[in-house]
Amino acid sequence: MKILSFSALSLLLTLPAGTPATAAGADDPATTAAVGAPATAVDPATTAAVGAPATAVDPATTAAVGAPATAVDPATTAALVARYNFDGGATEGRVADLSGRGAPLTVRNAANGQITFTTEGTGRYAAFPAACAAPTTCGKALLEAPDDADLDPGTRNFTWAASVRLTAAQLSGNANIMQKGVAGIGSQWKMQVTGKSGRAQCVVAARGSAQTFAAISARPVADGAWHRVVCQRTGTTLGISVDGVAGSKTTLPTTATIDNTMPMRVGGPNLAGDGDMYHGQLDDLYAQLG
């Protein structure tokens, strides 16, 4: 894996927010189901289980900034419900889940878009197709896991995280990193990088409401370096941190429920048009309940 040093997550977030996120009209279900060419598979890295964190603690750790390291998983009883580090690449177009509770990610593409699994140091990361001048005909690809009750937190505490690397030139609008659901249709949780500011953003859309809620990172992440982005819903608070630095927070209604029948998608909301596709690199994604 290729990730940054990460300190214990703090949600003592100080900057009030509440700015609604823009719901991309391209958030329609994917329209193609072609499987991308799988990378050569290697054995997934083994990990050591440790005790369940009392709060949402990022399971990924590193020995040095900029150097890949072996991530340490919480025990499966810690409600880690999905985890992917890409060290094993893809076998027959599928990336294995390491949590013991999640489904594999399936490669989906359009116009021959490919996801490559690239070695850096002792780990590997997923690289998504580049942006191009004709977004409706460019090669596109994303990763998809089927609908799973563990990924529908309802009103429960929920954390989702990823290591991201991209440049400002790789932004062709908002770049969706990972999400489940669609704003305005059911409900949604999402992580994205905004096209205007290059900042990371965590978004929640509640079931039965047209309103979206967003927490925004304190600084841009589209600078060509690896950054660890963590989104966390705790009670009625939605917060974000990047490399352990807290960003804004926003208050959710007590009844804000996230529960939908959509798949979880990584690297874009769909394969139609430009679709807010992600054009950078990703590593060590996870989702955790509680």
Foldseek 3Di string as FASTA:
>chain_A
DWFFAADWADPPFDAADFDFDDFDPLLDAADFFDFADFDQFDDDDDAAEDAADPDDGQQAHDDHGRADDDGHHHQLVNQFQFKFFCQGTADPQWGDTDSVHFHTWGKGKDLNWHWDWDDDHNGTWIFGAADDDFQQNDIGMWIWGFDDVSVFQFQFKKKKKWKWFAALNRFPAKAWFKKFDGQPPAWMWTWIQGNPFQWIKTKIHFGPDNTMGIWTEPHHRRHGGIWMKMWIDHQQKTWIYISNHTTYIYGHPNRRGGDDRGIMMGQASYHGGNGNGGRGIIGIITMGTD
